[in-house]
Structures are given as structure tokens and as C-alpha cells.
PDB file of N, CA and C in Angstrom:
ATOM      1  N   MET A   1     -84.710 166.631  45.447  1.00  0.00           N
ATOM      2  CA  MET A   1     -84.314 167.173  46.178  1.00  0.00           C
ATOM      3  C   MET A   1     -85.963 168.820  46.410  1.00  0.00           C
ATOM      4  N   ALA A   2     -86.549 168.591  47.365  1.00  0.00           N
ATOM      5  CA  ALA A   2     -87.913 169.702  46.696  1.00  0.00           C
ATOM      6  C   ALA A   2     -87.475 170.708  47.743  1.00  0.00           C
ATOM      7  N   LEU A   3     -88.361 171.216  46.194  1.00  0.00           N
ATOM      8  CA  LEU A   3     -88.581 172.997  46.659  1.00  0.00           C
ATOM      9  C   LEU A   3     -89.731 173.011  47.183  1.00  0.00           C
ATOM     10  N   ILE A   4     -89.939 174.138  47.603  1.00  0.00           N
ATOM     11  CA  ILE A   4     -91.662 174.478  47.968  1.00  0.00           C
ATOM     12  C   ILE A   4     -91.919 176.815  47.653  1.00  0.00           C
ATOM     13  N   ARG A   5     -92.355 176.172  47.029  1.00  0.00           N
ATOM     14  CA  ARG A   5     -92.836 177.848  46.834  1.00  0.00           C
ATOM     15  C   ARG A   5     -93.518 178.686  47.867  1.00  0.00           C
ATOM     16  N   VAL A   6     -93.601 179.288  49.348  1.00  0.00           N
ATOM     17  CA  VAL A   6     -93.704 179.870  49.793  1.00  0.00           C
ATOM     18  C   VAL A   6     -94.631 181.428  49.629  1.00  0.00           C
ATOM     19  N   GLU A   7     -95.349 181.251  49.013  1.00  0.00           N
ATOM     20  CA  GLU A   7     -96.756 182.122  48.437  1.00  0.00           C
ATOM     21  C   GLU A   7     -97.244 182.999  49.712  1.00  0.00           C
ATOM     22  N   GLY A   8     -97.608 184.479  48.991  1.00  0.00           N
ATOM     23  CA  GLY A   8     -99.279 184.407  49.703  1.00  0.00           C
ATOM     24  C   GLY A   8     -99.205 184.568  51.319  1.00  0.00           C
ATOM     25  N   LEU A   9     -97.951 184.733  51.583  1.00  0.00           N
ATOM     26  CA  LEU A   9     -98.341 185.803  53.458  1.00  0.00           C
ATOM     27  C   LEU A   9     -98.159 186.654  52.968  1.00  0.00           C
ATOM     28  N   PRO A  10     -99.050 186.966  54.507  1.00  0.00           N
ATOM     29  CA  PRO A  10     -99.757 188.793  54.950  1.00  0.00           C
ATOM     30  C   PRO A  10     -97.977 189.342  54.783  1.00  0.00           C
ATOM     31  N   ALA A  11     -98.024 190.562  54.354  1.00  0.00           N
ATOM     32  CA  ALA A  11     -97.536 191.768  54.074  1.00  0.00           C
ATOM     33  C   ALA A  11     -96.414 192.301  55.623  1.00  0.00           C
ATOM     34  N   ASP A  12     -97.618 191.895  57.100  1.00  0.00           N
ATOM     35  CA  ASP A  12     -97.096 191.727  58.021  1.00  0.00           C
ATOM     36  C   ASP A  12     -95.701 190.960  58.607  1.00  0.00           C
ATOM     37  N   PRO A  13     -95.312 191.126  59.234  1.00  0.00           N
ATOM     38  CA  PRO A  13     -94.019 190.063  59.303  1.00  0.00           C
ATOM     39  C   PRO A  13     -94.710 189.135  60.935  1.00  0.00           C
ATOM     40  N   LEU A  14     -96.038 189.487  61.579  1.00  0.00           N
ATOM     41  CA  LEU A  14     -95.684 188.347  62.555  1.00  0.00           C
ATOM     42  C   LEU A  14     -97.064 187.632  62.056  1.00  0.00           C
ATOM     43  N   ASP A  15     -97.892 188.188  61.439  1.00  0.00           N
ATOM     44  CA  ASP A  15     -98.274 187.570  60.694  1.00  0.00           C
ATOM     45  C   ASP A  15     -97.796 186.228  59.624  1.00  0.00           C
ATOM     46  N   ALA A  16     -96.746 187.059  58.593  1.00  0.00           N
ATOM     47  CA  ALA A  16     -96.971 186.141  57.967  1.00  0.00           C
ATOM     48  C   ALA A  16     -95.584 185.062  58.558  1.00  0.00           C
ATOM     49  N   ALA A  17     -94.832 185.166  59.804  1.00  0.00           N
ATOM     50  CA  ALA A  17     -94.407 184.084  60.126  1.00  0.00           C
ATOM     51  C   ALA A  17     -95.674 182.739  60.650  1.00  0.00           C
ATOM     52  N   ALA A  18     -96.852 183.058  61.351  1.00  0.00           N
ATOM     53  CA  ALA A  18     -97.955 182.459  62.095  1.00  0.00           C
ATOM     54  C   ALA A  18     -98.516 181.737  60.707  1.00  0.00           C
ATOM     55  N   ARG A  19     -98.909 182.516  59.995  1.00  0.00           N
ATOM     56  CA  ARG A  19     -98.944 181.535  59.031  1.00  0.00           C
ATOM     57  C   ARG A  19     -97.958 180.717  58.216  1.00  0.00           C
ATOM     58  N   PHE A  20     -97.006 181.113  58.108  1.00  0.00           N
ATOM     59  CA  PHE A  20     -95.728 179.936  57.705  1.00  0.00           C
ATOM     60  C   PHE A  20     -95.655 178.892  58.499  1.00  0.00           C
ATOM     61  N   TYR A  21     -95.805 179.458  59.771  1.00  0.00           N
ATOM     62  CA  TYR A  21     -95.671 178.154  60.703  1.00  0.00           C
ATOM     63  C   TYR A  21     -97.079 177.004  60.729  1.00  0.00           C
ATOM     64  N   ALA A  22     -98.467 177.836  60.553  1.00  0.00           N
ATOM     65  CA  ALA A  22     -99.383 176.972  60.569  1.00  0.00           C
ATOM     66  C   ALA A  22     -99.756 176.043  59.535  1.00  0.00           C
ATOM     67  N   GLU A  23     -99.375 177.170  57.830  1.00  0.00           N
ATOM     68  CA  GLU A  23     -98.841 176.227  56.642  1.00  0.00           C
ATOM     69  C   GLU A  23     -98.011 175.704  56.109  1.00  0.00           C
ATOM     70  N   VAL A  24     -97.362 175.914  55.935  1.00  0.00           N
ATOM     71  CA  VAL A  24     -96.076 175.570  55.778  1.00  0.00           C
ATOM     72  C   VAL A  24     -95.098 175.050  56.160  1.00  0.00           C
ATOM     73  N   ALA A  25     -94.497 174.813  57.506  1.00  0.00           N
ATOM     74  CA  ALA A  25     -93.790 174.138  58.405  1.00  0.00           C
ATOM     75  C   ALA A  25     -94.641 173.006  57.779  1.00  0.00           C
ATOM     76  N   PRO A  26     -95.563 172.489  58.723  1.00  0.00           N
ATOM     77  CA  PRO A  26     -96.116 171.170  57.636  1.00  0.00           C
ATOM     78  C   PRO A  26     -96.058 170.699  57.214  1.00  0.00           C
ATOM     79  N   GLN A  27     -96.014 170.867  55.741  1.00  0.00           N
ATOM     80  CA  GLN A  27     -95.805 170.547  54.180  1.00  0.00           C
ATOM     81  C   GLN A  27     -93.974 170.545  54.329  1.00  0.00           C
ATOM     82  N   VAL A  28     -93.254 170.930  54.717  1.00  0.00           N
ATOM     83  CA  VAL A  28     -91.692 170.621  54.588  1.00  0.00           C
ATOM     84  C   VAL A  28     -91.658 169.095  55.908  1.00  0.00           C
ATOM     85  N   ALA A  29     -92.354 168.682  57.084  1.00  0.00           N
ATOM     86  CA  ALA A  29     -92.247 168.181  57.819  1.00  0.00           C
ATOM     87  C   ALA A  29     -92.576 167.256  57.164  1.00  0.00           C
ATOM     88  N   GLN A  30     -93.728 167.359  56.471  1.00  0.00           N
ATOM     89  CA  GLN A  30     -93.918 165.979  55.838  1.00  0.00           C
ATOM     90  C   GLN A  30     -93.087 164.922  54.717  1.00  0.00           C
ATOM     91  N   SER A  31     -93.107 165.900  53.836  1.00  0.00           N
ATOM     92  CA  SER A  31     -92.291 165.784  52.955  1.00  0.00           C
ATOM     93  C   SER A  31     -91.023 165.123  53.128  1.00  0.00           C
ATOM     94  N   GLY A  32     -91.221 164.123  51.817  1.00  0.00           N
ATOM     95  CA  GLY A  32     -89.747 162.556  52.427  1.00  0.00           C
ATOM     96  C   GLY A  32     -88.953 162.783  51.841  1.00  0.00           C
ATOM     97  N   ASP A  33     -88.397 163.823  50.858  1.00  0.00           N
ATOM     98  CA  ASP A  33     -88.019 164.159  50.753  1.00  0.00           C
ATOM     99  C   ASP A  33     -86.150 164.292  51.947  1.00  0.00           C
ATOM    100  N   ALA A  34     -85.013 163.302  51.181  1.00  0.00           N
ATOM    101  CA  ALA A  34     -83.884 164.622  52.107  1.00  0.00           C
ATOM    102  C   ALA A  34     -83.401 165.925  52.252  1.00  0.00           C
ATOM    103  N   VAL A  35     -83.488 166.230  51.289  1.00  0.00           N
ATOM    104  CA  VAL A  35     -83.102 168.192  51.253  1.00  0.00           C
ATOM    105  C   VAL A  35     -84.310 168.623  50.482  1.00  0.00           C
ATOM    106  N   VAL A  36     -84.423 169.614  51.692  1.00  0.00           N
ATOM    107  CA  VAL A  36     -86.262 170.589  51.644  1.00  0.00           C
ATOM    108  C   VAL A  36     -85.701 171.992  51.223  1.00  0.00           C
ATOM    109  N   THR A  37     -85.404 172.868  49.796  1.00  0.00           N
ATOM    110  CA  THR A  37     -84.889 174.344  50.028  1.00  0.00           C
ATOM    111  C   THR A  37     -86.392 174.673  49.745  1.00  0.00           C
ATOM    112  N   LEU A  38     -86.585 176.428  50.607  1.00  0.00           N
ATOM    113  CA  LEU A  38     -88.189 176.732  50.836  1.00  0.00           C
ATOM    114  C   LEU A  38     -87.463 177.890  49.696  1.00  0.00           C
ATOM    115  N   LEU A  39     -87.875 178.379  48.999  1.00  0.00           N
ATOM    116  CA  LEU A  39     -87.927 179.925  48.104  1.00  0.00           C
ATOM    117  C   LEU A  39     -89.342 180.532  48.903  1.00  0.00           C
ATOM    118  N   PHE A  40     -89.013 181.342  49.156  1.00  0.00           N
ATOM    119  CA  PHE A  40     -89.830 182.617  49.062  1.00  0.00           C
ATOM    120  C   PHE A  40     -89.729 184.141  48.411  1.00  0.00           C
ATOM    121  N   PRO A  41     -90.484 184.757  48.777  1.00  0.00           N
ATOM    122  CA  PRO A  41     -90.538 185.504  47.829  1.00  0.00           C
ATOM    123  C   PRO A  41     -89.591 187.191  47.923  1.00  0.00           C
ATOM    124  N   PRO A  42     -89.537 187.935  47.190  1.00  0.00           N
ATOM    125  CA  PRO A  42     -88.043 188.946  48.379  1.00  0.00           C
ATOM    126  C   PRO A  42     -89.827 190.109  49.561  1.00  0.00           C
ATOM    127  N   ALA A  43     -88.819 189.915  50.368  1.00  0.00           N
ATOM    128  CA  ALA A  43     -89.512 191.123  51.704  1.00  0.00           C
ATOM    129  C   ALA A  43     -88.672 191.864  52.546  1.00  0.00           C
ATOM    130  N   ASP A  44     -88.900 193.523  53.134  1.00  0.00           N
ATOM    131  CA  ASP A  44     -88.492 194.397  53.397  1.00  0.00           C
ATOM    132  C   ASP A  44     -87.877 193.449  54.482  1.00  0.00           C
ATOM    133  N   HIS A  45     -86.700 193.670  55.515  1.00  0.00           N
ATOM    134  CA  HIS A  45     -85.858 193.135  56.369  1.00  0.00           C
ATOM    135  C   HIS A  45     -86.817 193.090  57.590  1.00  0.00           C
ATOM    136  N   ALA A  46     -87.662 193.644  57.594  1.00  0.00           N
ATOM    137  CA  ALA A  46     -89.058 192.951  58.643  1.00  0.00           C
ATOM    138  C   ALA A  46     -88.842 191.934  59.074  1.00  0.00           C
ATOM    139  N   HIS A  47     -88.487 190.279  57.603  1.00  0.00           N
ATOM    140  CA  HIS A  47     -89.236 189.384  57.841  1.00  0.00           C
ATOM    141  C   HIS A  47     -88.150 188.137  57.709  1.00  0.00           C
ATOM    142  N   ARG A  48     -86.685 189.297  58.176  1.00  0.00           N
ATOM    143  CA  ARG A  48     -85.282 188.816  57.858  1.00  0.00           C
ATOM    144  C   ARG A  48     -85.117 187.773  59.165  1.00  0.00           C
ATOM    145  N   GLY A  49     -85.785 188.349  59.748  1.00  0.00           N
ATOM    146  CA  GLY A  49     -85.714 187.812  61.744  1.00  0.00           C
ATOM    147  C   GLY A  49     -86.502 186.078  61.628  1.00  0.00           C
ATOM    148  N   TRP A  50     -87.484 186.374  61.115  1.00  0.00           N
ATOM    149  CA  TRP A  50     -88.432 185.180  61.393  1.00  0.00           C
ATOM    150  C   TRP A  50     -88.034 183.892  60.403  1.00  0.00           C
ATOM    151  N   ARG A  51     -87.901 184.464  59.046  1.00  0.00           N
ATOM    152  CA  ARG A  51     -87.153 183.324  58.419  1.00  0.00           C
ATOM    153  C   ARG A  51     -86.044 183.156  58.651  1.00  0.00           C
ATOM    154  N   GLU A  52     -85.321 183.108  58.523  1.00  0.00           N
ATOM    155  CA  GLU A  52     -83.857 182.492  59.367  1.00  0.00           C
ATOM    156  C   GLU A  52     -84.280 181.317  60.564  1.00  0.00           C
ATOM    157  N   ALA A  53     -85.085 182.173  61.766  1.00  0.00           N
ATOM    158  CA  ALA A  53     -84.780 181.216  62.666  1.00  0.00           C
ATOM    159  C   ALA A  53     -85.994 180.023  62.617  1.00  0.00           C
ATOM    160  N   ALA A  54     -87.173 180.370  60.715  1.00  0.00           N
ATOM    161  CA  ALA A  54     -87.707 179.450  60.791  1.00  0.00           C
ATOM    162  C   ALA A  54     -87.407 178.198  60.367  1.00  0.00           C
ATOM    163  N   VAL A  55     -85.279 178.747  59.380  1.00  0.00           N
ATOM    164  CA  VAL A  55     -85.181 177.818  58.728  1.00  0.00           C
ATOM    165  C   VAL A  55     -84.223 176.750  59.543  1.00  0.00           C
ATOM    166  N   ALA A  56     -84.357 177.631  60.575  1.00  0.00           N
ATOM    167  CA  ALA A  56     -83.240 176.997  61.400  1.00  0.00           C
ATOM    168  C   ALA A  56     -83.231 176.016  62.098  1.00  0.00           C
ATOM    169  N   SER A  57     -84.495 176.518  62.386  1.00  0.00           N
ATOM    170  CA  SER A  57     -85.467 175.421  63.276  1.00  0.00           C
ATOM    171  C   SER A  57     -85.888 174.214  62.606  1.00  0.00           C
ATOM    172  N   LEU A  58     -86.636 174.115  61.584  1.00  0.00           N
ATOM    173  CA  LEU A  58     -86.977 173.123  61.053  1.00  0.00           C
ATOM    174  C   LEU A  58     -85.530 172.223  60.174  1.00  0.00           C
ATOM    175  N   ALA A  59     -84.198 172.686  60.384  1.00  0.00           N
ATOM    176  CA  ALA A  59     -83.304 171.911  60.037  1.00  0.00           C
ATOM    177  C   ALA A  59     -82.871 171.286  61.066  1.00  0.00           C
ATOM    178  N   ARG A  60     -82.978 171.902  62.397  1.00  0.00           N
ATOM    179  CA  ARG A  60     -82.590 171.230  63.447  1.00  0.00           C
ATOM    180  C   ARG A  60     -83.836 170.054  63.892  1.00  0.00           C
ATOM    181  N   ALA A  61     -85.250 170.453  63.693  1.00  0.00           N
ATOM    182  CA  ALA A  61     -85.831 169.578  63.925  1.00  0.00           C
ATOM    183  C   ALA A  61     -86.357 168.400  63.481  1.00  0.00           C
ATOM    184  N   LEU A  62     -85.616 168.491  61.629  1.00  0.00           N
ATOM    185  CA  LEU A  62     -85.874 167.384  61.149  1.00  0.00           C
ATOM    186  C   LEU A  62     -84.293 166.875  60.782  1.00  0.00           C
ATOM    187  N   ALA A  63     -83.436 167.095  61.382  1.00  0.00           N
ATOM    188  CA  ALA A  63     -82.239 166.492  60.802  1.00  0.00           C
ATOM    189  C   ALA A  63     -81.801 164.648  61.757  1.00  0.00           C
ATOM    190  N   PRO A  64     -81.099 164.388  60.235  1.00  0.00           N
ATOM    191  CA  PRO A  64     -80.141 164.071  59.088  1.00  0.00           C
ATOM    192  C   PRO A  64     -80.908 165.211  57.898  1.00  0.00           C
ATOM    193  N   ARG A  65     -82.132 165.158  57.798  1.00  0.00           N
ATOM    194  CA  ARG A  65     -82.972 166.059  56.308  1.00  0.00           C
ATOM    195  C   ARG A  65     -82.038 167.345  56.326  1.00  0.00           C
ATOM    196  N   ARG A  66     -82.086 167.789  55.149  1.00  0.00           N
ATOM    197  CA  ARG A  66     -81.181 169.443  55.088  1.00  0.00           C
ATOM    198  C   ARG A  66     -82.964 170.119  54.782  1.00  0.00           C
ATOM    199  N   VAL A  67     -82.908 171.644  55.374  1.00  0.00           N
ATOM    200  CA  VAL A  67     -83.778 172.686  55.518  1.00  0.00           C
ATOM    201  C   VAL A  67     -82.875 173.398  54.718  1.00  0.00           C
ATOM    202  N   ASN A  68     -82.799 174.444  53.516  1.00  0.00           N
ATOM    203  CA  ASN A  68     -82.469 175.850  53.449  1.00  0.00           C
ATOM    204  C   ASN A  68     -83.526 175.954  52.594  1.00  0.00           C
ATOM    205  N   ALA A  69     -83.092 177.954  52.334  1.00  0.00           N
ATOM    206  CA  ALA A  69     -83.959 178.763  52.220  1.00  0.00           C
ATOM    207  C   ALA A  69     -83.485 179.729  50.963  1.00  0.00           C
ATOM    208  N   MET A  70     -83.993 179.175  50.195  1.00  0.00           N
ATOM    209  CA  MET A  70     -83.600 181.818  49.581  1.00  0.00           C
ATOM    210  C   MET A  70     -84.828 181.993  49.773  1.00  0.00           C
ATOM    211  N   VAL A  71     -84.162 183.698  49.919  1.00  0.00           N
ATOM    212  CA  VAL A  71     -84.973 184.531  49.436  1.00  0.00           C
ATOM    213  C   VAL A  71     -84.862 185.446  47.544  1.00  0.00           C
ATOM    214  N   GLY A  72     -85.635 184.935  47.103  1.00  0.00           N
ATOM    215  CA  GLY A  72     -85.551 185.853  45.870  1.00  0.00           C
ATOM    216  C   GLY A  72     -86.328 185.128  44.390  1.00  0.00           C
ATOM    217  N   ASP A  73     -86.477 185.899  43.334  1.00  0.00           N
ATOM    218  CA  ASP A  73     -87.170 185.688  42.667  1.00  0.00           C
ATOM    219  C   ASP A  73     -86.962 185.816  40.938  1.00  0.00           C
ATOM    220  N   GLU A  74     -85.782 185.688  40.495  1.00  0.00           N
ATOM    221  CA  GLU A  74     -84.850 185.583  39.755  1.00  0.00           C
ATOM    222  C   GLU A  74     -85.087 184.087  39.380  1.00  0.00           C
ATOM    223  N   ALA A  75     -84.753 183.299  38.237  1.00  0.00           N
ATOM    224  CA  ALA A  75     -84.667 182.263  37.862  1.00  0.00           C
ATOM    225  C   ALA A  75     -83.590 181.719  37.660  1.00  0.00           C
ATOM    226  N   ILE A  76     -82.804 181.914  36.735  1.00  0.00           N
ATOM    227  CA  ILE A  76     -81.537 182.073  36.661  1.00  0.00           C
ATOM    228  C   ILE A  76     -80.832 181.331  37.986  1.00  0.00           C
ATOM    229  N   ALA A  77     -81.025 182.381  38.858  1.00  0.00           N
ATOM    230  CA  ALA A  77     -80.380 182.900  40.465  1.00  0.00           C
ATOM    231  C   ALA A  77     -80.699 181.663  41.328  1.00  0.00           C
ATOM    232  N   ILE A  78     -82.277 181.411  40.948  1.00  0.00           N
ATOM    233  CA  ILE A  78     -82.410 180.211  41.817  1.00  0.00           C
ATOM    234  C   ILE A  78     -82.862 178.718  40.880  1.00  0.00           C
ATOM    235  N   ALA A  79     -82.038 178.616  40.132  1.00  0.00           N
ATOM    236  CA  ALA A  79     -81.660 177.122  39.536  1.00  0.00           C
ATOM    237  C   ALA A  79     -80.413 177.497  40.029  1.00  0.00           C
ATOM    238  N   ALA A  80     -79.313 178.532  40.131  1.00  0.00           N
ATOM    239  CA  ALA A  80     -77.934 178.372  40.282  1.00  0.00           C
ATOM    240  C   ALA A  80     -78.286 177.985  41.746  1.00  0.00           C
ATOM    241  N   THR A  81     -78.337 178.229  42.534  1.00  0.00           N
ATOM    242  CA  THR A  81     -78.774 178.339  43.353  1.00  0.00           C
ATOM    243  C   THR A  81     -78.911 176.401  44.389  1.00  0.00           C
ATOM    244  N   LEU A  82     -79.742 176.261  43.171  1.00  0.00           N
ATOM    245  CA  LEU A  82     -80.402 174.879  44.051  1.00  0.00           C
ATOM    246  C   LEU A  82     -79.623 173.766  43.507  1.00  0.00           C
ATOM    247  N   ALA A  83     -78.816 173.559  42.266  1.00  0.00           N
ATOM    248  CA  ALA A  83     -77.386 173.156  41.602  1.00  0.00           C
ATOM    249  C   ALA A  83     -76.827 172.989  42.434  1.00  0.00           C
ATOM    250  N   TRP A  84     -75.685 174.856  43.242  1.00  0.00           N
ATOM    251  CA  TRP A  84     -75.332 174.418  44.025  1.00  0.00           C
ATOM    252  C   TRP A  84     -75.273 173.712  45.420  1.00  0.00           C
ATOM    253  N   LEU A  85     -76.938 173.895  46.469  1.00  0.00           N
ATOM    254  CA  LEU A  85     -77.633 173.667  47.150  1.00  0.00           C
ATOM    255  C   LEU A  85     -77.307 172.246  47.228  1.00  0.00           C
ATOM    256  N   GLU A  86     -77.378 171.176  45.706  1.00  0.00           N
ATOM    257  CA  GLU A  86     -77.456 169.902  45.819  1.00  0.00           C
ATOM    258  C   GLU A  86     -76.138 169.019  46.055  1.00  0.00           C
ATOM    259  N   GLY A  87     -74.621 170.431  45.847  1.00  0.00           N
ATOM    260  CA  GLY A  87     -73.443 169.231  46.027  1.00  0.00           C
ATOM    261  C   GLY A  87     -72.884 169.877  46.855  1.00  0.00           C
ATOM    262  N   ALA A  88     -73.599 171.407  48.213  1.00  0.00           N
ATOM    263  CA  ALA A  88     -73.276 171.357  49.306  1.00  0.00           C
ATOM    264  C   ALA A  88     -73.845 170.227  50.705  1.00  0.00           C
ATOM    265  N   GLU A  89     -73.146 168.943  50.820  1.00  0.00           N
ATOM    266  CA  GLU A  89     -73.690 168.397  51.552  1.00  0.00           C
ATOM    267  C   GLU A  89     -74.128 168.107  52.797  1.00  0.00           C
ATOM    268  N   ALA A  90     -73.207 169.648  53.560  1.00  0.00           N
ATOM    269  CA  ALA A  90     -72.781 169.940  54.895  1.00  0.00           C
ATOM    270  C   ALA A  90     -73.841 171.755  55.051  1.00  0.00           C
ATOM    271  N   MET A  91     -75.177 172.012  54.363  1.00  0.00           N
ATOM    272  CA  MET A  91     -75.703 173.133  53.902  1.00  0.00           C
ATOM    273  C   MET A  91     -76.742 172.988  54.391  1.00  0.00           C
ATOM    274  N   THR A  92     -76.806 173.370  55.730  1.00  0.00           N
ATOM    275  CA  THR A  92     -78.203 173.370  56.546  1.00  0.00           C
ATOM    276  C   THR A  92     -78.872 173.983  57.336  1.00  0.00           C
ATOM    277  N   GLY A  93     -80.022 174.561  57.834  1.00  0.00           N
ATOM    278  CA  GLY A  93     -80.960 175.086  58.872  1.00  0.00           C
ATOM    279  C   GLY A  93     -80.113 177.340  57.553  1.00  0.00           C
ATOM    280  N   GLN A  94     -79.756 177.123  56.704  1.00  0.00           N
ATOM    281  CA  GLN A  94     -79.851 178.579  56.240  1.00  0.00           C
ATOM    282  C   GLN A  94     -81.174 179.254  55.325  1.00  0.00           C
ATOM    283  N   LEU A  95     -80.732 180.657  55.327  1.00  0.00           N
ATOM    284  CA  LEU A  95     -81.488 181.734  54.177  1.00  0.00           C
ATOM    285  C   LEU A  95     -80.544 181.823  53.115  1.00  0.00           C
ATOM    286  N   LEU A  96     -80.667 182.423  52.084  1.00  0.00           N
ATOM    287  CA  LEU A  96     -79.553 182.694  51.203  1.00  0.00           C
ATOM    288  C   LEU A  96     -80.498 183.623  50.320  1.00  0.00           C
ATOM    289  N   PRO A  97     -80.296 185.084  50.659  1.00  0.00           N
ATOM    290  CA  PRO A  97     -80.818 186.091  49.793  1.00  0.00           C
ATOM    291  C   PRO A  97     -80.456 185.734  48.137  1.00  0.00           C
ATOM    292  N   LEU A  98     -81.256 185.773  47.326  1.00  0.00           N
ATOM    293  CA  LEU A  98     -80.464 185.227  45.620  1.00  0.00           C
ATOM    294  C   LEU A  98     -79.739 188.019  45.239  1.00  0.00           C
ATOM    295  N   ALA A  99     -79.243 187.521  44.978  1.00  0.00           N
ATOM    296  CA  ALA A  99     -78.867 188.762  43.814  1.00  0.00           C
ATOM    297  C   ALA A  99     -79.653 189.351  43.026  1.00  0.00           C
ATOM    298  N   PRO A 100     -80.043 190.272  43.437  1.00  0.00           N
ATOM    299  CA  PRO A 100     -80.973 191.242  42.267  1.00  0.00           C
ATOM    300  C   PRO A 100     -80.558 191.132  41.204  1.00  0.00           C
ATOM    301  N   PRO A 101     -81.394 191.198  40.152  1.00  0.00           N
ATOM    302  CA  PRO A 101     -81.174 191.099  38.867  1.00  0.00           C
ATOM    303  C   PRO A 101     -80.875 191.762  38.086  1.00  0.00           C
ATOM    304  N   SER A 102     -80.458 193.013  38.881  1.00  0.00           N
ATOM    305  CA  SER A 102     -79.448 194.240  38.970  1.00  0.00           C
ATOM    306  C   SER A 102     -77.642 194.216  38.832  1.00  0.00           C
ATOM    307  N   CYS A 103     -77.662 193.387  40.011  1.00  0.00           N
ATOM    308  CA  CYS A 103     -76.403 192.570  40.461  1.00  0.00           C
ATOM    309  C   CYS A 103     -75.600 191.864  38.818  1.00  0.00           C
ATOM    310  N   PRO A 104     -74.641 192.585  39.745  1.00  0.00           N
ATOM    311  CA  PRO A 104     -73.402 192.198  38.068  1.00  0.00           C
ATOM    312  C   PRO A 104     -73.230 190.888  38.469  1.00  0.00           C
ATOM    313  N   ASP A 105     -73.276 189.481  38.843  1.00  0.00           N
ATOM    314  CA  ASP A 105     -73.176 188.214  39.477  1.00  0.00           C
ATOM    315  C   ASP A 105     -74.379 187.843  40.023  1.00  0.00           C
ATOM    316  N   SER A 106     -75.986 188.646  39.628  1.00  0.00           N
ATOM    317  CA  SER A 106     -76.333 187.774  39.777  1.00  0.00           C
ATOM    318  C   SER A 106     -77.519 186.491  39.295  1.00  0.00           C
ATOM    319  N   HIS A 107     -76.069 185.924  38.088  1.00  0.00           N
ATOM    320  CA  HIS A 107     -76.585 185.156  37.218  1.00  0.00           C
ATOM    321  C   HIS A 107     -76.137 183.741  37.537  1.00  0.00           C
ATOM    322  N   GLY A 108     -76.629 183.830  38.995  1.00  0.00           N
ATOM    323  CA  GLY A 108     -75.419 182.058  39.168  1.00  0.00           C
ATOM    324  C   GLY A 108     -74.332 182.067  40.003  1.00  0.00           C
ATOM    325  N   ALA A 109     -74.126 180.801  41.006  1.00  0.00           N
ATOM    326  CA  ALA A 109     -73.632 180.994  42.408  1.00  0.00           C
ATOM    327  C   ALA A 109     -72.513 180.753  41.315  1.00  0.00           C
ATOM    328  N   GLY A 110     -71.584 180.382  42.803  1.00  0.00           N
ATOM    329  CA  GLY A 110     -70.070 180.979  42.046  1.00  0.00           C
ATOM    330  C   GLY A 110     -69.798 179.327  42.400  1.00  0.00           C
ATOM    331  N   GLU A 111     -68.388 179.415  42.164  1.00  0.00           N
ATOM    332  CA  GLU A 111     -68.093 177.903  42.040  1.00  0.00           C
ATOM    333  C   GLU A 111     -67.483 177.402  44.130  1.00  0.00           C
ATOM    334  N   VAL A 112     -67.796 176.244  44.234  1.00  0.00           N
ATOM    335  CA  VAL A 112     -67.471 175.996  45.446  1.00  0.00           C
ATOM    336  C   VAL A 112     -65.959 175.904  45.350  1.00  0.00           C
ATOM    337  N   LEU A 113     -65.696 175.971  46.721  1.00  0.00           N
ATOM    338  CA  LEU A 113     -64.322 176.227  46.624  1.00  0.00           C
ATOM    339  C   LEU A 113     -63.448 175.419  47.596  1.00  0.00           C
ATOM    340  N   ASP A 114     -62.954 174.679  47.677  1.00  0.00           N
ATOM    341  CA  ASP A 114     -62.357 172.813  48.579  1.00  0.00           C
ATOM    342  C   ASP A 114     -61.832 173.930  49.760  1.00  0.00           C
TER     343      ASP A 114
END
């Protein structure tokens, strides 16, 4: 599984999306990994739409490879979600917001239910 940290994008959502498609999307496409997970830093609600669309579009274009993304910056939540995604073989095209540190369940994803 490849983890690509998406950093240094502009604050403006349109500018951020443009730079993402110019710089990050090609990295995802060129990755030889069957599973790619993007890690976005927290941002305001104006970024959610383009991020969701970008991840879903990359997942469709690169199928059967799996592409997902997380939004957060807490190491424990990131590690737990990465571990969960490795076992979630049908999960692709999703943008997963991670719990903030103040959340009671911020220290890991729950068990996968059958």
C-alpha cells in the first residue's frame, strides 16, 4: 500500500484542486501499488467537494487498483485507518474524515463488521 501525503496546496479550493490534478494525480496514476491512500490535511468545508470528486475519479480511472483518501493529522488515527483499509478489499473511491483528537474514539477505527 502506498501512502501519498498531500501537502502544500493553496488555501483557495479551486487553486488547490488545480494543483492537486497537476501534481498529485499523476503520482497516483504512476504508482505501481495496487492500493493507494492519499492523506489530506484538515481543511474547511469548501475543500470537501473537490476532494471527494478527485478520489472517486481516480478510483474509477485506475480500477481495479484501489484509491482512497483520509483527512486528518493525528498519527494514531492515520495508522488505524491504514490498517483497516488494508483489510477492506472492496473499499475504493472514498474520502474518510478522521476523528479529531478531542473525539472520544479518535484513537483508532472500530472493528470491521461481517
